[in-house]
PDB file of all heavy atoms in Angstrom:
ATOM      1  N   GLY A   1     -20.615  43.772 -84.721  1.00  0.00           N
ATOM      2  CA  GLY A   1     -21.779  43.439 -83.945  1.00  0.00           C
ATOM      3  C   GLY A   1     -22.750  42.592 -84.675  1.00  0.00           C
ATOM      4  O   GLY A   1     -22.967  41.424 -84.426  1.00  0.00           O
ATOM      5  N   ALA A   2     -23.368  43.160 -85.736  1.00  0.00           N
ATOM      6  CA  ALA A   2     -24.308  42.414 -86.577  1.00  0.00           C
ATOM      7  C   ALA A   2     -23.496  41.724 -87.677  1.00  0.00           C
ATOM      8  O   ALA A   2     -22.786  42.373 -88.458  1.00  0.00           O
ATOM      9  CB  ALA A   2     -25.332  43.341 -87.200  1.00  0.00           C
ATOM     10  N   PRO A   3     -23.583  40.389 -87.796  1.00  0.00           N
ATOM     11  CA  PRO A   3     -22.784  39.665 -88.794  1.00  0.00           C
ATOM     12  C   PRO A   3     -23.282  39.895 -90.231  1.00  0.00           C
ATOM     13  O   PRO A   3     -24.440  40.176 -90.474  1.00  0.00           O
ATOM     14  CB  PRO A   3     -23.016  38.191 -88.385  1.00  0.00           C
ATOM     15  CG  PRO A   3     -24.335  38.179 -87.751  1.00  0.00           C
ATOM     16  CD  PRO A   3     -24.446  39.491 -87.009  1.00  0.00           C
ATOM     17  N   ASP A   4     -22.346  39.855 -91.175  1.00  0.00           N
ATOM     18  CA  ASP A   4     -22.674  40.000 -92.568  1.00  0.00           C
ATOM     19  C   ASP A   4     -23.113  38.655 -93.179  1.00  0.00           C
ATOM     20  O   ASP A   4     -22.727  37.595 -92.692  1.00  0.00           O
ATOM     21  CB  ASP A   4     -21.498  40.496 -93.370  1.00  0.00           C
ATOM     22  CG  ASP A   4     -21.229  42.004 -93.153  1.00  0.00           C
ATOM     23  OD1 ASP A   4     -22.161  42.720 -92.763  1.00  0.00           O
ATOM     24  OD2 ASP A   4     -20.096  42.424 -93.393  1.00  0.00           O
ATOM     25  N   PHE A   5     -23.921  38.759 -94.215  1.00  0.00           N
ATOM     26  CA  PHE A   5     -24.231  37.596 -95.052  1.00  0.00           C
ATOM     27  C   PHE A   5     -23.306  37.541 -96.244  1.00  0.00           C
ATOM     28  O   PHE A   5     -23.026  38.578 -96.856  1.00  0.00           O
ATOM     29  CB  PHE A   5     -25.680  37.673 -95.567  1.00  0.00           C
ATOM     30  CG  PHE A   5     -26.736  37.246 -94.587  1.00  0.00           C
ATOM     31  CD1 PHE A   5     -27.397  38.153 -93.823  1.00  0.00           C
ATOM     32  CD2 PHE A   5     -27.092  35.888 -94.509  1.00  0.00           C
ATOM     33  CE1 PHE A   5     -28.393  37.732 -92.907  1.00  0.00           C
ATOM     34  CE2 PHE A   5     -28.057  35.451 -93.638  1.00  0.00           C
ATOM     35  CZ  PHE A   5     -28.687  36.372 -92.809  1.00  0.00           C
ATOM     36  N   ASP A   6     -22.798  36.376 -96.576  1.00  0.00           N
ATOM     37  CA  ASP A   6     -22.027  36.153 -97.810  1.00  0.00           C
ATOM     38  C   ASP A   6     -22.886  35.268 -98.723  1.00  0.00           C
ATOM     39  O   ASP A   6     -23.169  34.115 -98.342  1.00  0.00           O
ATOM     40  CB  ASP A   6     -20.716  35.438 -97.502  1.00  0.00           C
ATOM     41  CG  ASP A   6     -19.786  36.283 -96.664  1.00  0.00           C
ATOM     42  OD1 ASP A   6     -19.929  37.519 -96.668  1.00  0.00           O
ATOM     43  OD2 ASP A   6     -18.880  35.727 -96.005  1.00  0.00           O
ATOM     44  N   ASN A   7     -23.224  35.737 -99.887  1.00  0.00           N
ATOM     45  CA  ASN A   7     -23.954  34.939-100.887  1.00  0.00           C
ATOM     46  C   ASN A   7     -23.043  34.622-102.044  1.00  0.00           C
ATOM     47  O   ASN A   7     -22.384  35.501-102.584  1.00  0.00           O
ATOM     48  CB  ASN A   7     -25.197  35.721-101.376  1.00  0.00           C
ATOM     49  CG  ASN A   7     -26.099  36.140-100.259  1.00  0.00           C
ATOM     50  OD1 ASN A   7     -26.429  35.328 -99.377  1.00  0.00           O
ATOM     51  ND2 ASN A   7     -26.511  37.414-100.240  1.00  0.00           N
ATOM     52  N   VAL A   8     -23.011  33.344-102.420  1.00  0.00           N
ATOM     53  CA  VAL A   8     -22.074  32.935-103.472  1.00  0.00           C
ATOM     54  C   VAL A   8     -22.860  32.413-104.704  1.00  0.00           C
ATOM     55  O   VAL A   8     -23.781  31.602-104.550  1.00  0.00           O
ATOM     56  CB  VAL A   8     -21.124  31.812-102.939  1.00  0.00           C
ATOM     57  CG1 VAL A   8     -20.137  31.443-104.046  1.00  0.00           C
ATOM     58  CG2 VAL A   8     -20.425  32.278-101.698  1.00  0.00           C
ATOM     59  N   PHE A   9     -22.435  32.934-105.887  1.00  0.00           N
ATOM     60  CA  PHE A   9     -23.027  32.524-107.147  1.00  0.00           C
ATOM     61  C   PHE A   9     -21.894  32.110-108.098  1.00  0.00           C
ATOM     62  O   PHE A   9     -20.777  32.559-107.985  1.00  0.00           O
ATOM     63  CB  PHE A   9     -23.797  33.685-107.760  1.00  0.00           C
ATOM     64  CG  PHE A   9     -24.862  34.281-106.873  1.00  0.00           C
ATOM     65  CD1 PHE A   9     -24.501  35.263-105.932  1.00  0.00           C
ATOM     66  CD2 PHE A   9     -26.182  33.904-106.948  1.00  0.00           C
ATOM     67  CE1 PHE A   9     -25.445  35.840-105.101  1.00  0.00           C
ATOM     68  CE2 PHE A   9     -27.148  34.481-106.118  1.00  0.00           C
ATOM     69  CZ  PHE A   9     -26.766  35.431-105.185  1.00  0.00           C
ATOM     70  N   VAL A  10     -22.228  31.249-109.047  1.00  0.00           N
ATOM     71  CA  VAL A  10     -21.223  30.866-110.062  1.00  0.00           C
ATOM     72  C   VAL A  10     -21.888  30.844-111.458  1.00  0.00           C
ATOM     73  O   VAL A  10     -23.094  30.625-111.563  1.00  0.00           O
ATOM     74  CB  VAL A  10     -20.644  29.460-109.731  1.00  0.00           C
ATOM     75  CG1 VAL A  10     -21.704  28.357-109.902  1.00  0.00           C
ATOM     76  CG2 VAL A  10     -19.415  29.157-110.596  1.00  0.00           C
ATOM     77  N   THR A  11     -21.108  31.106-112.452  1.00  0.00           N
ATOM     78  CA  THR A  11     -21.656  31.135-113.811  1.00  0.00           C
ATOM     79  C   THR A  11     -22.260  29.791-114.197  1.00  0.00           C
ATOM     80  O   THR A  11     -21.789  28.751-113.741  1.00  0.00           O
ATOM     81  CB  THR A  11     -20.565  31.506-114.848  1.00  0.00           C
ATOM     82  OG1 THR A  11     -19.423  30.661-114.641  1.00  0.00           O
ATOM     83  CG2 THR A  11     -20.149  32.970-114.653  1.00  0.00           C
ATOM     84  N   ARG A  12     -23.257  29.820-115.033  1.00  0.00           N
ATOM     85  CA  ARG A  12     -23.980  28.593-115.388  1.00  0.00           C
ATOM     86  C   ARG A  12     -23.110  27.555-116.115  1.00  0.00           C
ATOM     87  O   ARG A  12     -23.149  26.352-115.802  1.00  0.00           O
ATOM     88  CB  ARG A  12     -25.183  28.933-116.277  1.00  0.00           C
ATOM     89  CG  ARG A  12     -26.243  29.755-115.518  1.00  0.00           C
ATOM     90  CD  ARG A  12     -27.415  30.158-116.423  1.00  0.00           C
ATOM     91  NE  ARG A  12     -28.390  30.883-115.653  1.00  0.00           N
ATOM     92  CZ  ARG A  12     -29.383  30.293-114.989  1.00  0.00           C
ATOM     93  NH1 ARG A  12     -29.486  28.988-114.955  1.00  0.00           N
ATOM     94  NH2 ARG A  12     -30.267  31.038-114.322  1.00  0.00           N
ATOM     95  N   ARG A  13     -22.285  28.010-117.020  1.00  0.00           N
ATOM     96  CA  ARG A  13     -21.425  27.108-117.757  1.00  0.00           C
ATOM     97  C   ARG A  13     -20.439  26.435-116.802  1.00  0.00           C
ATOM     98  O   ARG A  13     -20.224  25.203-116.927  1.00  0.00           O
ATOM     99  CB  ARG A  13     -20.640  27.843-118.835  1.00  0.00           C
ATOM    100  CG  ARG A  13     -19.798  26.947-119.747  1.00  0.00           C
ATOM    101  CD  ARG A  13     -18.952  27.778-120.737  1.00  0.00           C
ATOM    102  NE  ARG A  13     -17.918  28.489-120.136  1.00  0.00           N
ATOM    103  CZ  ARG A  13     -16.668  27.988-119.869  1.00  0.00           C
ATOM    104  NH1 ARG A  13     -16.417  26.725-120.239  1.00  0.00           N
ATOM    105  NH2 ARG A  13     -15.756  28.726-119.292  1.00  0.00           N
ATOM    106  N   ALA A  14     -19.880  27.151-115.900  1.00  0.00           N
ATOM    107  CA  ALA A  14     -18.917  26.601-114.909  1.00  0.00           C
ATOM    108  C   ALA A  14     -19.652  25.585-114.011  1.00  0.00           C
ATOM    109  O   ALA A  14     -19.079  24.539-113.674  1.00  0.00           O
ATOM    110  CB  ALA A  14     -18.289  27.702-114.101  1.00  0.00           C
ATOM    111  N   TYR A  15     -20.854  25.900-113.616  1.00  0.00           N
ATOM    112  CA  TYR A  15     -21.623  25.006-112.754  1.00  0.00           C
ATOM    113  C   TYR A  15     -21.872  23.674-113.430  1.00  0.00           C
ATOM    114  O   TYR A  15     -21.682  22.588-112.855  1.00  0.00           O
ATOM    115  CB  TYR A  15     -22.939  25.658-112.335  1.00  0.00           C
ATOM    116  CG  TYR A  15     -23.847  24.826-111.479  1.00  0.00           C
ATOM    117  CD1 TYR A  15     -23.577  24.646-110.113  1.00  0.00           C
ATOM    118  CD2 TYR A  15     -24.940  24.180-112.021  1.00  0.00           C
ATOM    119  CE1 TYR A  15     -24.410  23.909-109.300  1.00  0.00           C
ATOM    120  CE2 TYR A  15     -25.777  23.411-111.232  1.00  0.00           C
ATOM    121  CZ  TYR A  15     -25.499  23.258-109.868  1.00  0.00           C
ATOM    122  OH  TYR A  15     -26.326  22.507-109.081  1.00  0.00           O
ATOM    123  N   ARG A  16     -22.306  23.734-114.690  1.00  0.00           N
ATOM    124  CA  ARG A  16     -22.564  22.482-115.421  1.00  0.00           C
ATOM    125  C   ARG A  16     -21.314  21.669-115.594  1.00  0.00           C
ATOM    126  O   ARG A  16     -21.332  20.435-115.477  1.00  0.00           O
ATOM    127  CB  ARG A  16     -23.183  22.823-116.821  1.00  0.00           C
ATOM    128  CG  ARG A  16     -24.623  23.331-116.721  1.00  0.00           C
ATOM    129  CD  ARG A  16     -25.294  23.388-118.074  1.00  0.00           C
ATOM    130  NE  ARG A  16     -24.684  24.383-118.954  1.00  0.00           N
ATOM    131  CZ  ARG A  16     -25.110  25.605-119.075  1.00  0.00           C
ATOM    132  NH1 ARG A  16     -26.147  26.018-118.368  1.00  0.00           N
ATOM    133  NH2 ARG A  16     -24.527  26.431-119.895  1.00  0.00           N
ATOM    134  N   ALA A  17     -20.195  22.352-115.858  1.00  0.00           N
ATOM    135  CA  ALA A  17     -18.912  21.641-116.008  1.00  0.00           C
ATOM    136  C   ALA A  17     -18.502  20.992-114.673  1.00  0.00           C
ATOM    137  O   ALA A  17     -17.982  19.873-114.705  1.00  0.00           O
ATOM    138  CB  ALA A  17     -17.810  22.582-116.470  1.00  0.00           C
ATOM    139  N   PHE A  18     -18.746  21.687-113.544  1.00  0.00           N
ATOM    140  CA  PHE A  18     -18.391  21.132-112.272  1.00  0.00           C
ATOM    141  C   PHE A  18     -19.208  19.840-111.979  1.00  0.00           C
ATOM    142  O   PHE A  18     -18.681  18.855-111.455  1.00  0.00           O
ATOM    143  CB  PHE A  18     -18.644  22.127-111.153  1.00  0.00           C
ATOM    144  CG  PHE A  18     -18.051  21.729-109.830  1.00  0.00           C
ATOM    145  CD1 PHE A  18     -16.799  22.194-109.442  1.00  0.00           C
ATOM    146  CD2 PHE A  18     -18.714  20.857-108.986  1.00  0.00           C
ATOM    147  CE1 PHE A  18     -16.217  21.832-108.248  1.00  0.00           C
ATOM    148  CE2 PHE A  18     -18.156  20.455-107.761  1.00  0.00           C
ATOM    149  CZ  PHE A  18     -16.930  20.945-107.400  1.00  0.00           C
ATOM    150  N   LEU A  19     -20.468  19.844-112.331  1.00  0.00           N
ATOM    151  CA  LEU A  19     -21.271  18.638-112.122  1.00  0.00           C
ATOM    152  C   LEU A  19     -20.768  17.500-112.903  1.00  0.00           C
ATOM    153  O   LEU A  19     -20.898  16.307-112.479  1.00  0.00           O
ATOM    154  CB  LEU A  19     -22.731  18.923-112.516  1.00  0.00           C
ATOM    155  CG  LEU A  19     -23.483  19.992-111.686  1.00  0.00           C
ATOM    156  CD1 LEU A  19     -24.925  20.093-112.172  1.00  0.00           C
ATOM    157  CD2 LEU A  19     -23.438  19.675-110.213  1.00  0.00           C
ATOM    158  N   GLU A  20     -20.130  17.709-114.047  1.00  0.00           N
ATOM    159  CA  GLU A  20     -19.583  16.624-114.887  1.00  0.00           C
ATOM    160  C   GLU A  20     -18.223  16.183-114.489  1.00  0.00           C
ATOM    161  O   GLU A  20     -17.866  15.001-114.594  1.00  0.00           O
ATOM    162  CB  GLU A  20     -19.600  17.067-116.355  1.00  0.00           C
ATOM    163  CG  GLU A  20     -20.966  17.337-116.957  1.00  0.00           C
ATOM    164  CD  GLU A  20     -20.891  17.812-118.373  1.00  0.00           C
ATOM    165  OE1 GLU A  20     -19.767  17.888-118.920  1.00  0.00           O
ATOM    166  OE2 GLU A  20     -21.968  18.090-118.959  1.00  0.00           O
ATOM    167  N   THR A  21     -17.418  17.113-113.979  1.00  0.00           N
ATOM    168  CA  THR A  21     -15.967  16.800-113.771  1.00  0.00           C
ATOM    169  C   THR A  21     -15.541  16.943-112.309  1.00  0.00           C
ATOM    170  O   THR A  21     -14.490  16.415-111.932  1.00  0.00           O
ATOM    171  CB  THR A  21     -15.079  17.754-114.591  1.00  0.00           C
ATOM    172  OG1 THR A  21     -15.252  19.091-114.123  1.00  0.00           O
ATOM    173  CG2 THR A  21     -15.461  17.682-116.059  1.00  0.00           C
ATOM    174  N   GLY A  22     -16.265  17.664-111.503  1.00  0.00           N
ATOM    175  CA  GLY A  22     -15.877  17.884-110.116  1.00  0.00           C
ATOM    176  C   GLY A  22     -14.814  18.946-109.972  1.00  0.00           C
ATOM    177  O   GLY A  22     -14.231  19.118-108.886  1.00  0.00           O
ATOM    178  N   THR A  23     -14.595  19.774-111.019  1.00  0.00           N
ATOM    179  CA  THR A  23     -13.677  20.845-110.921  1.00  0.00           C
ATOM    180  C   THR A  23     -14.150  21.983-111.839  1.00  0.00           C
ATOM    181  O   THR A  23     -15.132  21.828-112.563  1.00  0.00           O
ATOM    182  CB  THR A  23     -12.241  20.430-111.298  1.00  0.00           C
ATOM    183  OG1 THR A  23     -11.331  21.478-110.945  1.00  0.00           O
ATOM    184  CG2 THR A  23     -12.128  20.077-112.765  1.00  0.00           C
ATOM    185  N   TRP A  24     -13.415  23.119-111.786  1.00  0.00           N
ATOM    186  CA  TRP A  24     -13.861  24.318-112.490  1.00  0.00           C
ATOM    187  C   TRP A  24     -13.136  24.507-113.824  1.00  0.00           C
ATOM    188  O   TRP A  24     -11.894  24.412-113.865  1.00  0.00           O
ATOM    189  CB  TRP A  24     -13.667  25.553-111.644  1.00  0.00           C
ATOM    190  CG  TRP A  24     -14.322  25.512-110.306  1.00  0.00           C
ATOM    191  CD1 TRP A  24     -13.729  25.392-109.089  1.00  0.00           C
ATOM    192  CD2 TRP A  24     -15.748  25.567-110.051  1.00  0.00           C
ATOM    193  NE1 TRP A  24     -14.671  25.410-108.059  1.00  0.00           N
ATOM    194  CE2 TRP A  24     -15.906  25.467-108.649  1.00  0.00           C
ATOM    195  CE3 TRP A  24     -16.871  25.631-110.873  1.00  0.00           C
ATOM    196  CZ2 TRP A  24     -17.167  25.495-108.034  1.00  0.00           C
ATOM    197  CZ3 TRP A  24     -18.116  25.632-110.272  1.00  0.00           C
ATOM    198  CH2 TRP A  24     -18.252  25.597-108.872  1.00  0.00           C
ATOM    199  N   PRO A  25     -13.827  24.817-114.871  1.00  0.00           N
ATOM    200  CA  PRO A  25     -13.171  25.046-116.178  1.00  0.00           C
ATOM    201  C   PRO A  25     -12.572  26.449-116.253  1.00  0.00           C
ATOM    202  O   PRO A  25     -12.838  27.321-115.394  1.00  0.00           O
ATOM    203  CB  PRO A  25     -14.325  24.939-117.205  1.00  0.00           C
ATOM    204  CG  PRO A  25     -15.532  25.454-116.421  1.00  0.00           C
ATOM    205  CD  PRO A  25     -15.291  24.947-114.987  1.00  0.00           C
ATOM    206  N   ASP A  26     -11.702  26.653-117.246  1.00  0.00           N
ATOM    207  CA  ASP A  26     -11.172  28.010-117.446  1.00  0.00           C
ATOM    208  C   ASP A  26     -12.319  28.975-117.752  1.00  0.00           C
ATOM    209  O   ASP A  26     -13.343  28.599-118.321  1.00  0.00           O
ATOM    210  CB  ASP A  26     -10.209  27.934-118.670  1.00  0.00           C
ATOM    211  CG  ASP A  26      -9.355  29.179-118.752  1.00  0.00           C
ATOM    212  OD1 ASP A  26      -9.006  29.775-117.739  1.00  0.00           O
ATOM    213  OD2 ASP A  26      -8.969  29.554-119.903  1.00  0.00           O
ATOM    214  N   LYS A  27     -12.128  30.199-117.346  1.00  0.00           N
ATOM    215  CA  LYS A  27     -13.104  31.293-117.475  1.00  0.00           C
ATOM    216  C   LYS A  27     -14.223  31.244-116.409  1.00  0.00           C
ATOM    217  O   LYS A  27     -15.217  31.988-116.503  1.00  0.00           O
ATOM    218  CB  LYS A  27     -13.758  31.364-118.833  1.00  0.00           C
ATOM    219  CG  LYS A  27     -12.772  31.340-120.021  1.00  0.00           C
ATOM    220  CD  LYS A  27     -11.757  32.437-119.940  1.00  0.00           C
ATOM    221  CE  LYS A  27     -10.804  32.423-121.170  1.00  0.00           C
ATOM    222  NZ  LYS A  27      -9.734  33.402-121.069  1.00  0.00           N
ATOM    223  N   THR A  28     -14.087  30.368-115.431  1.00  0.00           N
ATOM    224  CA  THR A  28     -15.066  30.371-114.321  1.00  0.00           C
ATOM    225  C   THR A  28     -15.038  31.679-113.559  1.00  0.00           C
ATOM    226  O   THR A  28     -13.994  32.273-113.358  1.00  0.00           O
ATOM    227  CB  THR A  28     -14.709  29.203-113.347  1.00  0.00           C
ATOM    228  OG1 THR A  28     -14.979  27.940-113.967  1.00  0.00           O
ATOM    229  CG2 THR A  28     -15.535  29.283-112.077  1.00  0.00           C
ATOM    230  N   MET A  29     -16.201  32.127-113.144  1.00  0.00           N
ATOM    231  CA  MET A  29     -16.317  33.242-112.241  1.00  0.00           C
ATOM    232  C   MET A  29     -17.244  32.864-111.066  1.00  0.00           C
ATOM    233  O   MET A  29     -18.343  32.358-111.338  1.00  0.00           O
ATOM    234  CB  MET A  29     -16.867  34.511-112.920  1.00  0.00           C
ATOM    235  CG  MET A  29     -15.889  35.170-113.847  1.00  0.00           C
ATOM    236  SD  MET A  29     -16.467  36.840-114.380  1.00  0.00           S
ATOM    237  CE  MET A  29     -17.882  36.368-115.451  1.00  0.00           C
ATOM    238  N   LEU A  30     -16.786  33.073-109.871  1.00  0.00           N
ATOM    239  CA  LEU A  30     -17.640  32.941-108.667  1.00  0.00           C
ATOM    240  C   LEU A  30     -17.802  34.336-108.097  1.00  0.00           C
ATOM    241  O   LEU A  30     -16.834  35.089-107.965  1.00  0.00           O
ATOM    242  CB  LEU A  30     -17.007  32.015-107.661  1.00  0.00           C
ATOM    243  CG  LEU A  30     -16.905  30.535-108.070  1.00  0.00           C
ATOM    244  CD1 LEU A  30     -15.493  30.189-108.390  1.00  0.00           C
ATOM    245  CD2 LEU A  30     -17.470  29.669-106.974  1.00  0.00           C
ATOM    246  N   ALA A  31     -19.013  34.677-107.720  1.00  0.00           N
ATOM    247  CA  ALA A  31     -19.309  35.976-107.137  1.00  0.00           C
ATOM    248  C   ALA A  31     -19.600  35.807-105.667  1.00  0.00           C
ATOM    249  O   ALA A  31     -20.378  34.959-105.260  1.00  0.00           O
ATOM    250  CB  ALA A  31     -20.514  36.627-107.833  1.00  0.00           C
ATOM    251  N   LEU A  32     -18.955  36.631-104.843  1.00  0.00           N
ATOM    252  CA  LEU A  32     -19.206  36.685-103.419  1.00  0.00           C
ATOM    253  C   LEU A  32     -19.858  38.032-103.150  1.00  0.00           C
ATOM    254  O   LEU A  32     -19.231  39.084-103.208  1.00  0.00           O
ATOM    255  CB  LEU A  32     -17.924  36.554-102.627  1.00  0.00           C
ATOM    256  CG  LEU A  32     -18.049  36.728-101.090  1.00  0.00           C
ATOM    257  CD1 LEU A  32     -18.838  35.568-100.504  1.00  0.00           C
ATOM    258  CD2 LEU A  32     -16.685  36.842-100.425  1.00  0.00           C
ATOM    259  N   GLU A  33     -21.164  38.017-102.844  1.00  0.00           N
ATOM    260  CA  GLU A  33     -21.932  39.219-102.557  1.00  0.00           C
ATOM    261  C   GLU A  33     -22.060  39.328-101.041  1.00  0.00           C
ATOM    262  O   GLU A  33     -22.534  38.407-100.378  1.00  0.00           O
ATOM    263  CB  GLU A  33     -23.304  39.133-103.178  1.00  0.00           C
ATOM    264  CG  GLU A  33     -24.220  40.288-102.876  1.00  0.00           C
ATOM    265  CD  GLU A  33     -25.666  40.034-103.219  1.00  0.00           C
ATOM    266  OE1 GLU A  33     -26.272  39.172-102.533  1.00  0.00           O
ATOM    267  OE2 GLU A  33     -26.179  40.646-104.177  1.00  0.00           O
ATOM    268  N   VAL A  34     -21.611  40.454-100.490  1.00  0.00           N
ATOM    269  CA  VAL A  34     -21.662  40.693 -99.054  1.00  0.00           C
ATOM    270  C   VAL A  34     -22.789  41.647 -98.734  1.00  0.00           C
ATOM    271  O   VAL A  34     -22.871  42.756 -99.310  1.00  0.00           O
ATOM    272  CB  VAL A  34     -20.332  41.249 -98.510  1.00  0.00           C
ATOM    273  CG1 VAL A  34     -20.374  41.396 -97.006  1.00  0.00           C
ATOM    274  CG2 VAL A  34     -19.152  40.311 -98.922  1.00  0.00           C
ATOM    275  N   ARG A  35     -23.651  41.260 -97.817  1.00  0.00           N
ATOM    276  CA  ARG A  35     -24.780  42.096 -97.433  1.00  0.00           C
ATOM    277  C   ARG A  35     -24.835  42.215 -95.889  1.00  0.00           C
ATOM    278  O   ARG A  35     -24.515  41.258 -95.181  1.00  0.00           O
ATOM    279  CB  ARG A  35     -26.104  41.545 -97.953  1.00  0.00           C
ATOM    280  CG  ARG A  35     -26.297  41.754 -99.423  1.00  0.00           C
ATOM    281  CD  ARG A  35     -27.660  41.260 -99.939  1.00  0.00           C
ATOM    282  NE  ARG A  35     -27.793  41.553-101.356  1.00  0.00           N
ATOM    283  CZ  ARG A  35     -28.293  42.674-101.830  1.00  0.00           C
ATOM    284  NH1 ARG A  35     -28.677  43.657-100.998  1.00  0.00           N
ATOM    285  NH2 ARG A  35     -28.375  42.886-103.128  1.00  0.00           N
ATOM    286  N   SER A  36     -25.226  43.371 -95.424  1.00  0.00           N
ATOM    287  CA  SER A  36     -25.407  43.539 -94.000  1.00  0.00           C
ATOM    288  C   SER A  36     -26.639  42.816 -93.502  1.00  0.00           C
ATOM    289  O   SER A  36     -27.498  42.399 -94.312  1.00  0.00           O
ATOM    290  CB  SER A  36     -25.518  45.041 -93.665  1.00  0.00           C
ATOM    291  OG  SER A  36     -26.649  45.612 -94.330  1.00  0.00           O
ATOM    292  N   SER A  37     -26.701  42.595 -92.208  1.00  0.00           N
ATOM    293  CA  SER A  37     -27.856  41.877 -91.668  1.00  0.00           C
ATOM    294  C   SER A  37     -28.582  42.704 -90.617  1.00  0.00           C
ATOM    295  O   SER A  37     -28.017  43.643 -90.052  1.00  0.00           O
ATOM    296  CB  SER A  37     -27.394  40.563 -91.056  1.00  0.00           C
ATOM    297  OG  SER A  37     -26.667  40.811 -89.832  1.00  0.00           O
ATOM    298  N   ALA A  38     -29.787  42.347 -90.354  1.00  0.00           N
ATOM    299  CA  ALA A  38     -30.599  42.965 -89.315  1.00  0.00           C
ATOM    300  C   ALA A  38     -31.356  41.842 -88.608  1.00  0.00           C
ATOM    301  O   ALA A  38     -31.557  40.747 -89.170  1.00  0.00           O
ATOM    302  CB  ALA A  38     -31.562  43.985 -89.875  1.00  0.00           C
TER     303      ALA A  38
END
């Protein structure tokens, strides 16, 4: 009924590497945080 929120975060080193190369380096972590909504 009430949709969930998905919030996505990525490690700082991986983010900087992506800006330079357009892809993710080894040891990248992306976090998907799921929260209920009201």
